[in-house]
Amino acid sequence: MNNKSRPVNLDIQTIRFPIAAIASILHRVSGVITFFALAVLLSLLSKSLHSADGFAVVMGWLDSLPVKLVMWIILSVLAYHIVFGIRHVVMDFGYWEELQSGSASARGGFIVVAVIAVLMGILVW
């Protein structure tokens, strides 16, 4: 076997993933972020339900710019995970599995997520 004919690319800066692969990797990352963000959201909910003073404290936090930014990021990541989760379910049924339709569905998913993120930003602020 001639090993010299194998393509070898060890320069990580020159590797180019297709958009469908990027979408799939980011879907996994968004799942991890959503898992940890759930702890933040549940702790805010717990504090707000504990007492009237706790509710006032949480509402005060939600009025600050850094917390609004974190909430917008959490909601945007959750929207990404949901949209691309639906895309993966559709692919499980046998649709959008070809190269062209998979790339098109990934591009469409990115557009849908961008629109939802802008709407979430409007609602948060």
PDB file of N, CA and C in Angstrom:
ATOM      1  N   MET A   1       0.841  -1.172   0.000  1.00  0.00           N
ATOM      2  CA  MET A   1       0.000   0.000   0.000  1.00  0.00           C
ATOM      3  C   MET A   1       0.889   1.238   0.000  1.00  0.00           C
ATOM      4  N   ASN A   2       0.573   2.158  -0.879  1.00  0.00           N
ATOM      5  CA  ASN A   2       1.359   3.367  -1.018  1.00  0.00           C
ATOM      6  C   ASN A   2       0.730   4.483  -0.187  1.00  0.00           C
ATOM      7  N   ASN A   3       1.360   4.828   0.928  1.00  0.00           N
ATOM      8  CA  ASN A   3       0.825   5.857   1.814  1.00  0.00           C
ATOM      9  C   ASN A   3       1.030   7.262   1.280  1.00  0.00           C
ATOM     10  N   LYS A   4       1.872   7.430   0.271  1.00  0.00           N
ATOM     11  CA  LYS A   4       2.131   8.762  -0.264  1.00  0.00           C
ATOM     12  C   LYS A   4       0.956   9.290  -1.075  1.00  0.00           C
ATOM     13  N   SER A   5       0.068   8.425  -1.517  1.00  0.00           N
ATOM     14  CA  SER A   5      -1.062   8.874  -2.325  1.00  0.00           C
ATOM     15  C   SER A   5      -2.244   9.353  -1.470  1.00  0.00           C
ATOM     16  N   ARG A   6      -2.164   9.103  -0.177  1.00  0.00           N
ATOM     17  CA  ARG A   6      -3.253   9.541   0.706  1.00  0.00           C
ATOM     18  C   ARG A   6      -3.192  11.048   0.895  1.00  0.00           C
ATOM     19  N   PRO A   7      -4.337  11.716   0.858  1.00  0.00           N
ATOM     20  CA  PRO A   7      -4.328  13.152   1.151  1.00  0.00           C
ATOM     21  C   PRO A   7      -4.158  13.367   2.652  1.00  0.00           C
ATOM     22  N   VAL A   8      -3.221  14.205   3.013  1.00  0.00           N
ATOM     23  CA  VAL A   8      -2.957  14.508   4.417  1.00  0.00           C
ATOM     24  C   VAL A   8      -3.087  16.008   4.595  1.00  0.00           C
ATOM     25  N   ASN A   9      -3.936  16.404   5.518  1.00  0.00           N
ATOM     26  CA  ASN A   9      -4.123  17.816   5.796  1.00  0.00           C
ATOM     27  C   ASN A   9      -4.082  17.999   7.308  1.00  0.00           C
ATOM     28  N   LEU A  10      -2.962  18.422   7.806  1.00  0.00           N
ATOM     29  CA  LEU A  10      -2.815  18.607   9.239  1.00  0.00           C
ATOM     30  C   LEU A  10      -2.916  20.062   9.649  1.00  0.00           C
ATOM     31  N   ASP A  11      -3.067  20.976   8.685  1.00  0.00           N
ATOM     32  CA  ASP A  11      -3.200  22.391   8.992  1.00  0.00           C
ATOM     33  C   ASP A  11      -4.671  22.697   9.255  1.00  0.00           C
ATOM     34  N   ILE A  12      -4.999  22.909  10.514  1.00  0.00           N
ATOM     35  CA  ILE A  12      -6.398  23.081  10.915  1.00  0.00           C
ATOM     36  C   ILE A  12      -7.020  24.329  10.303  1.00  0.00           C
ATOM     37  N   GLN A  13      -6.202  25.298   9.926  1.00  0.00           N
ATOM     38  CA  GLN A  13      -6.721  26.545   9.358  1.00  0.00           C
ATOM     39  C   GLN A  13      -7.165  26.385   7.912  1.00  0.00           C
ATOM     40  N   THR A  14      -6.771  25.316   7.250  1.00  0.00           N
ATOM     41  CA  THR A  14      -7.145  25.123   5.852  1.00  0.00           C
ATOM     42  C   THR A  14      -8.301  24.144   5.682  1.00  0.00           C
ATOM     43  N   ILE A  15      -8.732  23.506   6.759  1.00  0.00           N
ATOM     44  CA  ILE A  15      -9.841  22.560   6.671  1.00  0.00           C
ATOM     45  C   ILE A  15     -11.143  23.351   6.552  1.00  0.00           C
ATOM     46  N   ARG A  16     -11.952  23.028   5.560  1.00  0.00           N
ATOM     47  CA  ARG A  16     -13.233  23.701   5.340  1.00  0.00           C
ATOM     48  C   ARG A  16     -14.368  22.686   5.445  1.00  0.00           C
ATOM     49  N   PHE A  17     -15.215  22.881   6.447  1.00  0.00           N
ATOM     50  CA  PHE A  17     -16.362  21.997   6.625  1.00  0.00           C
ATOM     51  C   PHE A  17     -17.527  22.493   5.777  1.00  0.00           C
ATOM     52  N   PRO A  18     -18.360  21.597   5.282  1.00  0.00           N
ATOM     53  CA  PRO A  18     -19.585  22.036   4.612  1.00  0.00           C
ATOM     54  C   PRO A  18     -20.534  22.665   5.628  1.00  0.00           C
ATOM     55  N   ILE A  19     -21.450  23.484   5.143  1.00  0.00           N
ATOM     56  CA  ILE A  19     -22.351  24.209   6.035  1.00  0.00           C
ATOM     57  C   ILE A  19     -23.220  23.251   6.846  1.00  0.00           C
ATOM     58  N   ALA A  20     -23.572  22.113   6.282  1.00  0.00           N
ATOM     59  CA  ALA A  20     -24.377  21.135   7.026  1.00  0.00           C
ATOM     60  C   ALA A  20     -23.589  20.567   8.204  1.00  0.00           C
ATOM     61  N   ALA A  21     -22.286  20.374   8.035  1.00  0.00           N
ATOM     62  CA  ALA A  21     -21.456  19.879   9.134  1.00  0.00           C
ATOM     63  C   ALA A  21     -21.316  20.935  10.228  1.00  0.00           C
ATOM     64  N   ILE A  22     -21.159  22.183   9.825  1.00  0.00           N
ATOM     65  CA  ILE A  22     -21.081  23.276  10.802  1.00  0.00           C
ATOM     66  C   ILE A  22     -22.374  23.365  11.589  1.00  0.00           C
ATOM     67  N   ALA A  23     -23.513  23.242  10.898  1.00  0.00           N
ATOM     68  CA  ALA A  23     -24.810  23.281  11.569  1.00  0.00           C
ATOM     69  C   ALA A  23     -24.947  22.136  12.570  1.00  0.00           C
ATOM     70  N   SER A  24     -24.484  20.967  12.204  1.00  0.00           N
ATOM     71  CA  SER A  24     -24.580  19.803  13.086  1.00  0.00           C
ATOM     72  C   SER A  24     -23.691  19.964  14.321  1.00  0.00           C
ATOM     73  N   ILE A  25     -22.468  20.461  14.111  1.00  0.00           N
ATOM     74  CA  ILE A  25     -21.567  20.672  15.244  1.00  0.00           C
ATOM     75  C   ILE A  25     -22.131  21.732  16.187  1.00  0.00           C
ATOM     76  N   LEU A  26     -22.636  22.824  15.614  1.00  0.00           N
ATOM     77  CA  LEU A  26     -23.213  23.889  16.444  1.00  0.00           C
ATOM     78  C   LEU A  26     -24.474  23.425  17.169  1.00  0.00           C
ATOM     79  N   HIS A  27     -25.199  22.474  16.568  1.00  0.00           N
ATOM     80  CA  HIS A  27     -26.373  21.928  17.248  1.00  0.00           C
ATOM     81  C   HIS A  27     -25.964  21.192  18.522  1.00  0.00           C
ATOM     82  N   ARG A  28     -24.876  20.465  18.452  1.00  0.00           N
ATOM     83  CA  ARG A  28     -24.368  19.776  19.648  1.00  0.00           C
ATOM     84  C   ARG A  28     -23.900  20.778  20.694  1.00  0.00           C
ATOM     85  N   VAL A  29     -23.200  21.816  20.251  1.00  0.00           N
ATOM     86  CA  VAL A  29     -22.727  22.861  21.171  1.00  0.00           C
ATOM     87  C   VAL A  29     -23.916  23.575  21.815  1.00  0.00           C
ATOM     88  N   SER A  30     -24.941  23.862  21.023  1.00  0.00           N
ATOM     89  CA  SER A  30     -26.115  24.535  21.577  1.00  0.00           C
ATOM     90  C   SER A  30     -26.839  23.651  22.589  1.00  0.00           C
ATOM     91  N   GLY A  31     -26.781  22.339  22.408  1.00  0.00           N
ATOM     92  CA  GLY A  31     -27.370  21.436  23.400  1.00  0.00           C
ATOM     93  C   GLY A  31     -26.653  21.502  24.730  1.00  0.00           C
ATOM     94  N   VAL A  32     -25.335  21.569  24.693  1.00  0.00           N
ATOM     95  CA  VAL A  32     -24.546  21.678  25.933  1.00  0.00           C
ATOM     96  C   VAL A  32     -24.832  23.023  26.605  1.00  0.00           C
ATOM     97  N   ILE A  33     -24.847  24.102  25.816  1.00  0.00           N
ATOM     98  CA  ILE A  33     -25.133  25.426  26.382  1.00  0.00           C
ATOM     99  C   ILE A  33     -26.535  25.459  26.968  1.00  0.00           C
ATOM    100  N   THR A  34     -27.489  24.871  26.287  1.00  0.00           N
ATOM    101  CA  THR A  34     -28.870  24.829  26.788  1.00  0.00           C
ATOM    102  C   THR A  34     -28.950  24.062  28.099  1.00  0.00           C
ATOM    103  N   PHE A  35     -28.193  22.981  28.214  1.00  0.00           N
ATOM    104  CA  PHE A  35     -28.184  22.198  29.452  1.00  0.00           C
ATOM    105  C   PHE A  35     -27.728  23.054  30.632  1.00  0.00           C
ATOM    106  N   PHE A  36     -26.629  23.800  30.448  1.00  0.00           N
ATOM    107  CA  PHE A  36     -26.130  24.631  31.541  1.00  0.00           C
ATOM    108  C   PHE A  36     -26.985  25.878  31.753  1.00  0.00           C
ATOM    109  N   ALA A  37     -27.568  26.413  30.686  1.00  0.00           N
ATOM    110  CA  ALA A  37     -28.441  27.579  30.818  1.00  0.00           C
ATOM    111  C   ALA A  37     -29.705  27.218  31.586  1.00  0.00           C
ATOM    112  N   LEU A  38     -30.123  25.978  31.494  1.00  0.00           N
ATOM    113  CA  LEU A  38     -31.298  25.537  32.231  1.00  0.00           C
ATOM    114  C   LEU A  38     -31.092  25.701  33.733  1.00  0.00           C
ATOM    115  N   ALA A  39     -29.875  25.483  34.205  1.00  0.00           N
ATOM    116  CA  ALA A  39     -29.573  25.681  35.628  1.00  0.00           C
ATOM    117  C   ALA A  39     -29.740  27.150  36.011  1.00  0.00           C
ATOM    118  N   VAL A  40     -29.294  28.048  35.155  1.00  0.00           N
ATOM    119  CA  VAL A  40     -29.441  29.485  35.419  1.00  0.00           C
ATOM    120  C   VAL A  40     -30.919  29.869  35.451  1.00  0.00           C
ATOM    121  N   LEU A  41     -31.660  29.402  34.457  1.00  0.00           N
ATOM    122  CA  LEU A  41     -33.084  29.749  34.390  1.00  0.00           C
ATOM    123  C   LEU A  41     -33.870  29.165  35.561  1.00  0.00           C
ATOM    124  N   LEU A  42     -33.554  27.936  35.944  1.00  0.00           N
ATOM    125  CA  LEU A  42     -34.252  27.321  37.078  1.00  0.00           C
ATOM    126  C   LEU A  42     -33.910  27.998  38.395  1.00  0.00           C
ATOM    127  N   SER A  43     -32.678  28.463  38.545  1.00  0.00           N
ATOM    128  CA  SER A  43     -32.322  29.169  39.780  1.00  0.00           C
ATOM    129  C   SER A  43     -33.035  30.526  39.850  1.00  0.00           C
ATOM    130  N   LEU A  44     -33.158  31.207  38.714  1.00  0.00           N
ATOM    131  CA  LEU A  44     -33.921  32.463  38.700  1.00  0.00           C
ATOM    132  C   LEU A  44     -35.392  32.208  39.020  1.00  0.00           C
ATOM    133  N   LEU A  45     -35.947  31.160  38.451  1.00  0.00           N
ATOM    134  CA  LEU A  45     -37.340  30.815  38.731  1.00  0.00           C
ATOM    135  C   LEU A  45     -37.533  30.465  40.201  1.00  0.00           C
ATOM    136  N   SER A  46     -36.626  29.687  40.755  1.00  0.00           N
ATOM    137  CA  SER A  46     -36.723  29.298  42.161  1.00  0.00           C
ATOM    138  C   SER A  46     -36.665  30.512  43.075  1.00  0.00           C
ATOM    139  N   LYS A  47     -35.730  31.412  42.787  1.00  0.00           N
ATOM    140  CA  LYS A  47     -35.602  32.615  43.615  1.00  0.00           C
ATOM    141  C   LYS A  47     -36.841  33.484  43.501  1.00  0.00           C
ATOM    142  N   SER A  48     -37.397  33.594  42.294  1.00  0.00           N
ATOM    143  CA  SER A  48     -38.573  34.455  42.113  1.00  0.00           C
ATOM    144  C   SER A  48     -39.819  33.864  42.761  1.00  0.00           C
ATOM    145  N   LEU A  49     -39.891  32.557  42.886  1.00  0.00           N
ATOM    146  CA  LEU A  49     -41.061  31.918  43.488  1.00  0.00           C
ATOM    147  C   LEU A  49     -40.935  31.736  44.993  1.00  0.00           C
ATOM    148  N   HIS A  50     -39.745  31.965  45.522  1.00  0.00           N
ATOM    149  CA  HIS A  50     -39.516  31.740  46.944  1.00  0.00           C
ATOM    150  C   HIS A  50     -40.265  32.753  47.812  1.00  0.00           C
ATOM    151  N   SER A  51     -40.243  34.021  47.411  1.00  0.00           N
ATOM    152  CA  SER A  51     -40.933  35.058  48.188  1.00  0.00           C
ATOM    153  C   SER A  51     -41.164  36.269  47.298  1.00  0.00           C
ATOM    154  N   ALA A  52     -41.938  37.204  47.824  1.00  0.00           N
ATOM    155  CA  ALA A  52     -42.184  38.447  47.090  1.00  0.00           C
ATOM    156  C   ALA A  52     -40.893  39.248  46.955  1.00  0.00           C
ATOM    157  N   ASP A  53     -40.063  39.221  47.987  1.00  0.00           N
ATOM    158  CA  ASP A  53     -38.784  39.922  47.907  1.00  0.00           C
ATOM    159  C   ASP A  53     -37.874  39.276  46.861  1.00  0.00           C
ATOM    160  N   GLY A  54     -37.878  37.959  46.795  1.00  0.00           N
ATOM    161  CA  GLY A  54     -37.091  37.256  45.787  1.00  0.00           C
ATOM    162  C   GLY A  54     -37.546  37.604  44.384  1.00  0.00           C
ATOM    163  N   PHE A  55     -38.861  37.720  44.211  1.00  0.00           N
ATOM    164  CA  PHE A  55     -39.406  38.118  42.908  1.00  0.00           C
ATOM    165  C   PHE A  55     -38.935  39.513  42.542  1.00  0.00           C
ATOM    166  N   ALA A  56     -38.960  40.430  43.511  1.00  0.00           N
ATOM    167  CA  ALA A  56     -38.505  41.803  43.264  1.00  0.00           C
ATOM    168  C   ALA A  56     -37.011  41.834  42.911  1.00  0.00           C
ATOM    169  N   VAL A  57     -36.227  40.995  43.572  1.00  0.00           N
ATOM    170  CA  VAL A  57     -34.792  40.934  43.282  1.00  0.00           C
ATOM    171  C   VAL A  57     -34.555  40.435  41.854  1.00  0.00           C
ATOM    172  N   VAL A  58     -35.248  39.368  41.473  1.00  0.00           N
ATOM    173  CA  VAL A  58     -35.090  38.815  40.123  1.00  0.00           C
ATOM    174  C   VAL A  58     -35.541  39.833  39.077  1.00  0.00           C
ATOM    175  N   MET A  59     -36.634  40.516  39.330  1.00  0.00           N
ATOM    176  CA  MET A  59     -37.096  41.542  38.387  1.00  0.00           C
ATOM    177  C   MET A  59     -36.077  42.666  38.279  1.00  0.00           C
ATOM    178  N   GLY A  60     -35.440  43.004  39.381  1.00  0.00           N
ATOM    179  CA  GLY A  60     -34.380  44.012  39.346  1.00  0.00           C
ATOM    180  C   GLY A  60     -33.196  43.546  38.512  1.00  0.00           C
ATOM    181  N   TRP A  61     -32.837  42.275  38.665  1.00  0.00           N
ATOM    182  CA  TRP A  61     -31.745  41.723  37.862  1.00  0.00           C
ATOM    183  C   TRP A  61     -32.085  41.748  36.371  1.00  0.00           C
ATOM    184  N   LEU A  62     -33.341  41.400  36.060  1.00  0.00           N
ATOM    185  CA  LEU A  62     -33.751  41.328  34.659  1.00  0.00           C
ATOM    186  C   LEU A  62     -33.809  42.695  33.988  1.00  0.00           C
ATOM    187  N   ASP A  63     -33.761  43.760  34.775  1.00  0.00           N
ATOM    188  CA  ASP A  63     -33.729  45.099  34.199  1.00  0.00           C
ATOM    189  C   ASP A  63     -32.325  45.559  33.837  1.00  0.00           C
ATOM    190  N   SER A  64     -31.313  44.842  34.285  1.00  0.00           N
ATOM    191  CA  SER A  64     -29.938  45.258  33.997  1.00  0.00           C
ATOM    192  C   SER A  64     -29.502  44.766  32.621  1.00  0.00           C
ATOM    193  N   LEU A  65     -28.628  45.522  31.978  1.00  0.00           N
ATOM    194  CA  LEU A  65     -28.177  45.209  30.627  1.00  0.00           C
ATOM    195  C   LEU A  65     -27.421  43.875  30.525  1.00  0.00           C
ATOM    196  N   PRO A  66     -26.488  43.568  31.451  1.00  0.00           N
ATOM    197  CA  PRO A  66     -25.793  42.277  31.323  1.00  0.00           C
ATOM    198  C   PRO A  66     -26.727  41.075  31.422  1.00  0.00           C
ATOM    199  N   VAL A  67     -27.714  41.148  32.302  1.00  0.00           N
ATOM    200  CA  VAL A  67     -28.651  40.026  32.449  1.00  0.00           C
ATOM    201  C   VAL A  67     -29.546  39.923  31.214  1.00  0.00           C
ATOM    202  N   LYS A  68     -29.954  41.072  30.663  1.00  0.00           N
ATOM    203  CA  LYS A  68     -30.741  41.045  29.426  1.00  0.00           C
ATOM    204  C   LYS A  68     -29.938  40.417  28.294  1.00  0.00           C
ATOM    205  N   LEU A  69     -28.648  40.731  28.228  1.00  0.00           N
ATOM    206  CA  LEU A  69     -27.794  40.152  27.202  1.00  0.00           C
ATOM    207  C   LEU A  69     -27.668  38.636  27.386  1.00  0.00           C
ATOM    208  N   VAL A  70     -27.484  38.197  28.615  1.00  0.00           N
ATOM    209  CA  VAL A  70     -27.390  36.760  28.891  1.00  0.00           C
ATOM    210  C   VAL A  70     -28.708  36.062  28.548  1.00  0.00           C
ATOM    211  N   MET A  71     -29.821  36.689  28.893  1.00  0.00           N
ATOM    212  CA  MET A  71     -31.124  36.089  28.575  1.00  0.00           C
ATOM    213  C   MET A  71     -31.329  36.007  27.065  1.00  0.00           C
ATOM    214  N   TRP A  72     -30.906  37.041  26.335  1.00  0.00           N
ATOM    215  CA  TRP A  72     -31.027  37.021  24.878  1.00  0.00           C
ATOM    216  C   TRP A  72     -30.171  35.911  24.283  1.00  0.00           C
ATOM    217  N   ILE A  73     -28.966  35.743  24.801  1.00  0.00           N
ATOM    218  CA  ILE A  73     -28.084  34.672  24.309  1.00  0.00           C
ATOM    219  C   ILE A  73     -28.701  33.302  24.593  1.00  0.00           C
ATOM    220  N   ILE A  74     -29.215  33.132  25.809  1.00  0.00           N
ATOM    221  CA  ILE A  74     -29.835  31.849  26.168  1.00  0.00           C
ATOM    222  C   ILE A  74     -31.022  31.555  25.256  1.00  0.00           C
ATOM    223  N   LEU A  75     -31.878  32.541  25.033  1.00  0.00           N
ATOM    224  CA  LEU A  75     -33.049  32.335  24.183  1.00  0.00           C
ATOM    225  C   LEU A  75     -32.654  32.072  22.732  1.00  0.00           C
ATOM    226  N   SER A  76     -31.618  32.749  22.259  1.00  0.00           N
ATOM    227  CA  SER A  76     -31.161  32.536  20.886  1.00  0.00           C
ATOM    228  C   SER A  76     -30.564  31.144  20.711  1.00  0.00           C
ATOM    229  N   VAL A  77     -29.790  30.702  21.694  1.00  0.00           N
ATOM    230  CA  VAL A  77     -29.206  29.358  21.629  1.00  0.00           C
ATOM    231  C   VAL A  77     -30.308  28.302  21.704  1.00  0.00           C
ATOM    232  N   LEU A  78     -31.303  28.537  22.540  1.00  0.00           N
ATOM    233  CA  LEU A  78     -32.426  27.605  22.626  1.00  0.00           C
ATOM    234  C   LEU A  78     -33.188  27.557  21.304  1.00  0.00           C
ATOM    235  N   ALA A  79     -33.397  28.723  20.676  1.00  0.00           N
ATOM    236  CA  ALA A  79     -34.070  28.755  19.375  1.00  0.00           C
ATOM    237  C   ALA A  79     -33.262  27.991  18.330  1.00  0.00           C
ATOM    238  N   TYR A  80     -31.938  28.177  18.350  1.00  0.00           N
ATOM    239  CA  TYR A  80     -31.077  27.440  17.421  1.00  0.00           C
ATOM    240  C   TYR A  80     -31.229  25.940  17.629  1.00  0.00           C
ATOM    241  N   HIS A  81     -31.193  25.528  18.884  1.00  0.00           N
ATOM    242  CA  HIS A  81     -31.275  24.094  19.176  1.00  0.00           C
ATOM    243  C   HIS A  81     -32.620  23.518  18.738  1.00  0.00           C
ATOM    244  N   ILE A  82     -33.682  24.262  18.925  1.00  0.00           N
ATOM    245  CA  ILE A  82     -35.004  23.777  18.521  1.00  0.00           C
ATOM    246  C   ILE A  82     -35.124  23.706  17.001  1.00  0.00           C
ATOM    247  N   VAL A  83     -34.720  24.776  16.308  1.00  0.00           N
ATOM    248  CA  VAL A  83     -34.846  24.807  14.844  1.00  0.00           C
ATOM    249  C   VAL A  83     -34.017  23.690  14.208  1.00  0.00           C
ATOM    250  N   PHE A  84     -32.776  23.536  14.650  1.00  0.00           N
ATOM    251  CA  PHE A  84     -31.945  22.507  14.035  1.00  0.00           C
ATOM    252  C   PHE A  84     -32.278  21.119  14.565  1.00  0.00           C
ATOM    253  N   GLY A  85     -32.912  21.023  15.719  1.00  0.00           N
ATOM    254  CA  GLY A  85     -33.445  19.746  16.174  1.00  0.00           C
ATOM    255  C   GLY A  85     -34.571  19.285  15.274  1.00  0.00           C
ATOM    256  N   ILE A  86     -35.442  20.224  14.878  1.00  0.00           N
ATOM    257  CA  ILE A  86     -36.514  19.897  13.931  1.00  0.00           C
ATOM    258  C   ILE A  86     -35.917  19.478  12.591  1.00  0.00           C
ATOM    259  N   ARG A  87     -34.858  20.167  12.174  1.00  0.00           N
ATOM    260  CA  ARG A  87     -34.175  19.796  10.920  1.00  0.00           C
ATOM    261  C   ARG A  87     -33.643  18.367  11.005  1.00  0.00           C
ATOM    262  N   HIS A  88     -33.048  18.007  12.137  1.00  0.00           N
ATOM    263  CA  HIS A  88     -32.527  16.646  12.295  1.00  0.00           C
ATOM    264  C   HIS A  88     -33.645  15.610  12.299  1.00  0.00           C
ATOM    265  N   VAL A  89     -34.784  15.931  12.894  1.00  0.00           N
ATOM    266  CA  VAL A  89     -35.918  15.003  12.892  1.00  0.00           C
ATOM    267  C   VAL A  89     -36.417  14.790  11.462  1.00  0.00           C
ATOM    268  N   VAL A  90     -36.514  15.883  10.702  1.00  0.00           N
ATOM    269  CA  VAL A  90     -36.930  15.759   9.299  1.00  0.00           C
ATOM    270  C   VAL A  90     -35.937  14.889   8.538  1.00  0.00           C
ATOM    271  N   MET A  91     -34.655  15.064   8.827  1.00  0.00           N
ATOM    272  CA  MET A  91     -33.645  14.228   8.163  1.00  0.00           C
ATOM    273  C   MET A  91     -33.773  12.765   8.593  1.00  0.00           C
ATOM    274  N   ASP A  92     -34.200  12.522   9.821  1.00  0.00           N
ATOM    275  CA  ASP A  92     -34.424  11.143  10.273  1.00  0.00           C
ATOM    276  C   ASP A  92     -35.548  10.467   9.492  1.00  0.00           C
ATOM    277  N   PHE A  93     -36.481  11.260   8.977  1.00  0.00           N
ATOM    278  CA  PHE A  93     -37.563  10.707   8.168  1.00  0.00           C
ATOM    279  C   PHE A  93     -37.156  10.516   6.700  1.00  0.00           C
ATOM    280  N   GLY A  94     -35.914  10.865   6.382  1.00  0.00           N
ATOM    281  CA  GLY A  94     -35.407  10.594   5.046  1.00  0.00           C
ATOM    282  C   GLY A  94     -35.406  11.781   4.100  1.00  0.00           C
ATOM    283  N   TYR A  95     -35.725  12.949   4.574  1.00  0.00           N
ATOM    284  CA  TYR A  95     -35.718  14.141   3.730  1.00  0.00           C
ATOM    285  C   TYR A  95     -34.462  14.959   4.013  1.00  0.00           C
ATOM    286  N   TRP A  96     -34.075  15.794   3.045  1.00  0.00           N
ATOM    287  CA  TRP A  96     -32.939  16.721   3.181  1.00  0.00           C
ATOM    288  C   TRP A  96     -31.630  15.993   3.488  1.00  0.00           C
ATOM    289  N   GLU A  97     -31.488  14.774   3.012  1.00  0.00           N
ATOM    290  CA  GLU A  97     -30.270  14.015   3.273  1.00  0.00           C
ATOM    291  C   GLU A  97     -29.230  14.160   2.167  1.00  0.00           C
ATOM    292  N   GLU A  98     -29.645  14.617   0.994  1.00  0.00           N
ATOM    293  CA  GLU A  98     -28.700  14.786  -0.104  1.00  0.00           C
ATOM    294  C   GLU A  98     -27.848  16.028   0.155  1.00  0.00           C
ATOM    295  N   LEU A  99     -26.748  16.134  -0.569  1.00  0.00           N
ATOM    296  CA  LEU A  99     -25.804  17.233  -0.357  1.00  0.00           C
ATOM    297  C   LEU A  99     -26.453  18.594  -0.594  1.00  0.00           C
ATOM    298  N   GLN A 100     -27.157  18.737  -1.694  1.00  0.00           N
ATOM    299  CA  GLN A 100     -27.750  20.036  -2.010  1.00  0.00           C
ATOM    300  C   GLN A 100     -28.888  20.395  -1.062  1.00  0.00           C
ATOM    301  N   SER A 101     -29.793  19.458  -0.818  1.00  0.00           N
ATOM    302  CA  SER A 101     -30.927  19.762   0.056  1.00  0.00           C
ATOM    303  C   SER A 101     -30.478  19.909   1.511  1.00  0.00           C
ATOM    304  N   GLY A 102     -29.446  19.173   1.921  1.00  0.00           N
ATOM    305  CA  GLY A 102     -28.909  19.323   3.269  1.00  0.00           C
ATOM    306  C   GLY A 102     -28.274  20.686   3.471  1.00  0.00           C
ATOM    307  N   SER A 103     -27.533  21.143   2.464  1.00  0.00           N
ATOM    308  CA  SER A 103     -26.934  22.479   2.540  1.00  0.00           C
ATOM    309  C   SER A 103     -28.004  23.562   2.530  1.00  0.00           C
ATOM    310  N   ALA A 104     -29.008  23.379   1.696  1.00  0.00           N
ATOM    311  CA  ALA A 104     -30.091  24.368   1.622  1.00  0.00           C
ATOM    312  C   ALA A 104     -30.871  24.427   2.931  1.00  0.00           C
ATOM    313  N   SER A 105     -31.131  23.273   3.531  1.00  0.00           N
ATOM    314  CA  SER A 105     -31.872  23.275   4.798  1.00  0.00           C
ATOM    315  C   SER A 105     -31.036  23.893   5.922  1.00  0.00           C
ATOM    316  N   ALA A 106     -29.731  23.708   5.879  1.00  0.00           N
ATOM    317  CA  ALA A 106     -28.865  24.328   6.883  1.00  0.00           C
ATOM    318  C   ALA A 106     -28.868  25.850   6.721  1.00  0.00           C
ATOM    319  N   ARG A 107     -28.754  26.319   5.478  1.00  0.00           N
ATOM    320  CA  ARG A 107     -28.820  27.761   5.230  1.00  0.00           C
ATOM    321  C   ARG A 107     -30.164  28.325   5.672  1.00  0.00           C
ATOM    322  N   GLY A 108     -31.237  27.630   5.319  1.00  0.00           N
ATOM    323  CA  GLY A 108     -32.575  28.070   5.734  1.00  0.00           C
ATOM    324  C   GLY A 108     -32.724  28.096   7.241  1.00  0.00           C
ATOM    325  N   GLY A 109     -32.148  27.099   7.907  1.00  0.00           N
ATOM    326  CA  GLY A 109     -32.199  27.079   9.372  1.00  0.00           C
ATOM    327  C   GLY A 109     -31.465  28.248   9.987  1.00  0.00           C
ATOM    328  N   PHE A 110     -30.295  28.598   9.415  1.00  0.00           N
ATOM    329  CA  PHE A 110     -29.548  29.751   9.915  1.00  0.00           C
ATOM    330  C   PHE A 110     -30.349  31.043   9.735  1.00  0.00           C
ATOM    331  N   ILE A 111     -31.055  31.167   8.624  1.00  0.00           N
ATOM    332  CA  ILE A 111     -31.879  32.360   8.387  1.00  0.00           C
ATOM    333  C   ILE A 111     -33.025  32.418   9.386  1.00  0.00           C
ATOM    334  N   VAL A 112     -33.692  31.286   9.595  1.00  0.00           N
ATOM    335  CA  VAL A 112     -34.803  31.243  10.561  1.00  0.00           C
ATOM    336  C   VAL A 112     -34.314  31.598  11.958  1.00  0.00           C
ATOM    337  N   VAL A 113     -33.177  31.073  12.360  1.00  0.00           N
ATOM    338  CA  VAL A 113     -32.632  31.356  13.683  1.00  0.00           C
ATOM    339  C   VAL A 113     -32.252  32.828  13.799  1.00  0.00           C
ATOM    340  N   ALA A 114     -31.697  33.406  12.744  1.00  0.00           N
ATOM    341  CA  ALA A 114     -31.343  34.829  12.779  1.00  0.00           C
ATOM    342  C   ALA A 114     -32.583  35.694  12.968  1.00  0.00           C
ATOM    343  N   VAL A 115     -33.663  35.360  12.266  1.00  0.00           N
ATOM    344  CA  VAL A 115     -34.913  36.124  12.416  1.00  0.00           C
ATOM    345  C   VAL A 115     -35.461  35.973  13.835  1.00  0.00           C
ATOM    346  N   ILE A 116     -35.456  34.757  14.355  1.00  0.00           N
ATOM    347  CA  ILE A 116     -35.943  34.524  15.716  1.00  0.00           C
ATOM    348  C   ILE A 116     -35.073  35.255  16.724  1.00  0.00           C
ATOM    349  N   ALA A 117     -33.755  35.253  16.524  1.00  0.00           N
ATOM    350  CA  ALA A 117     -32.856  35.946  17.451  1.00  0.00           C
ATOM    351  C   ALA A 117     -33.121  37.452  17.465  1.00  0.00           C
ATOM    352  N   VAL A 118     -33.376  38.020  16.290  1.00  0.00           N
ATOM    353  CA  VAL A 118     -33.706  39.448  16.240  1.00  0.00           C
ATOM    354  C   VAL A 118     -35.023  39.719  16.957  1.00  0.00           C
ATOM    355  N   LEU A 119     -36.013  38.875  16.748  1.00  0.00           N
ATOM    356  CA  LEU A 119     -37.295  39.042  17.436  1.00  0.00           C
ATOM    357  C   LEU A 119     -37.142  38.873  18.939  1.00  0.00           C
ATOM    358  N   MET A 120     -36.327  37.929  19.369  1.00  0.00           N
ATOM    359  CA  MET A 120     -36.062  37.747  20.804  1.00  0.00           C
ATOM    360  C   MET A 120     -35.385  38.985  21.380  1.00  0.00           C
ATOM    361  N   GLY A 121     -34.451  39.563  20.614  1.00  0.00           N
ATOM    362  CA  GLY A 121     -33.784  40.778  21.065  1.00  0.00           C
ATOM    363  C   GLY A 121     -34.755  41.928  21.236  1.00  0.00           C
ATOM    364  N   ILE A 122     -35.695  42.039  20.313  1.00  0.00           N
ATOM    365  CA  ILE A 122     -36.727  43.089  20.424  1.00  0.00           C
ATOM    366  C   ILE A 122     -37.584  42.860  21.666  1.00  0.00           C
ATOM    367  N   LEU A 123     -37.954  41.593  21.904  1.00  0.00           N
ATOM    368  CA  LEU A 123     -38.786  41.287  23.066  1.00  0.00           C
ATOM    369  C   LEU A 123     -38.065  41.466  24.396  1.00  0.00           C
ATOM    370  N   VAL A 124     -36.770  41.135  24.419  1.00  0.00           N
ATOM    371  CA  VAL A 124     -36.005  41.244  25.670  1.00  0.00           C
ATOM    372  C   VAL A 124     -35.777  42.710  26.024  1.00  0.00           C
ATOM    373  N   TRP A 125     -35.484  43.511  25.010  1.00  0.00           N
ATOM    374  CA  TRP A 125     -35.256  44.920  25.285  1.00  0.00           C
ATOM    375  C   TRP A 125     -36.549  45.655  25.122  1.00  0.00           C
TER     376      TRP A 125
END
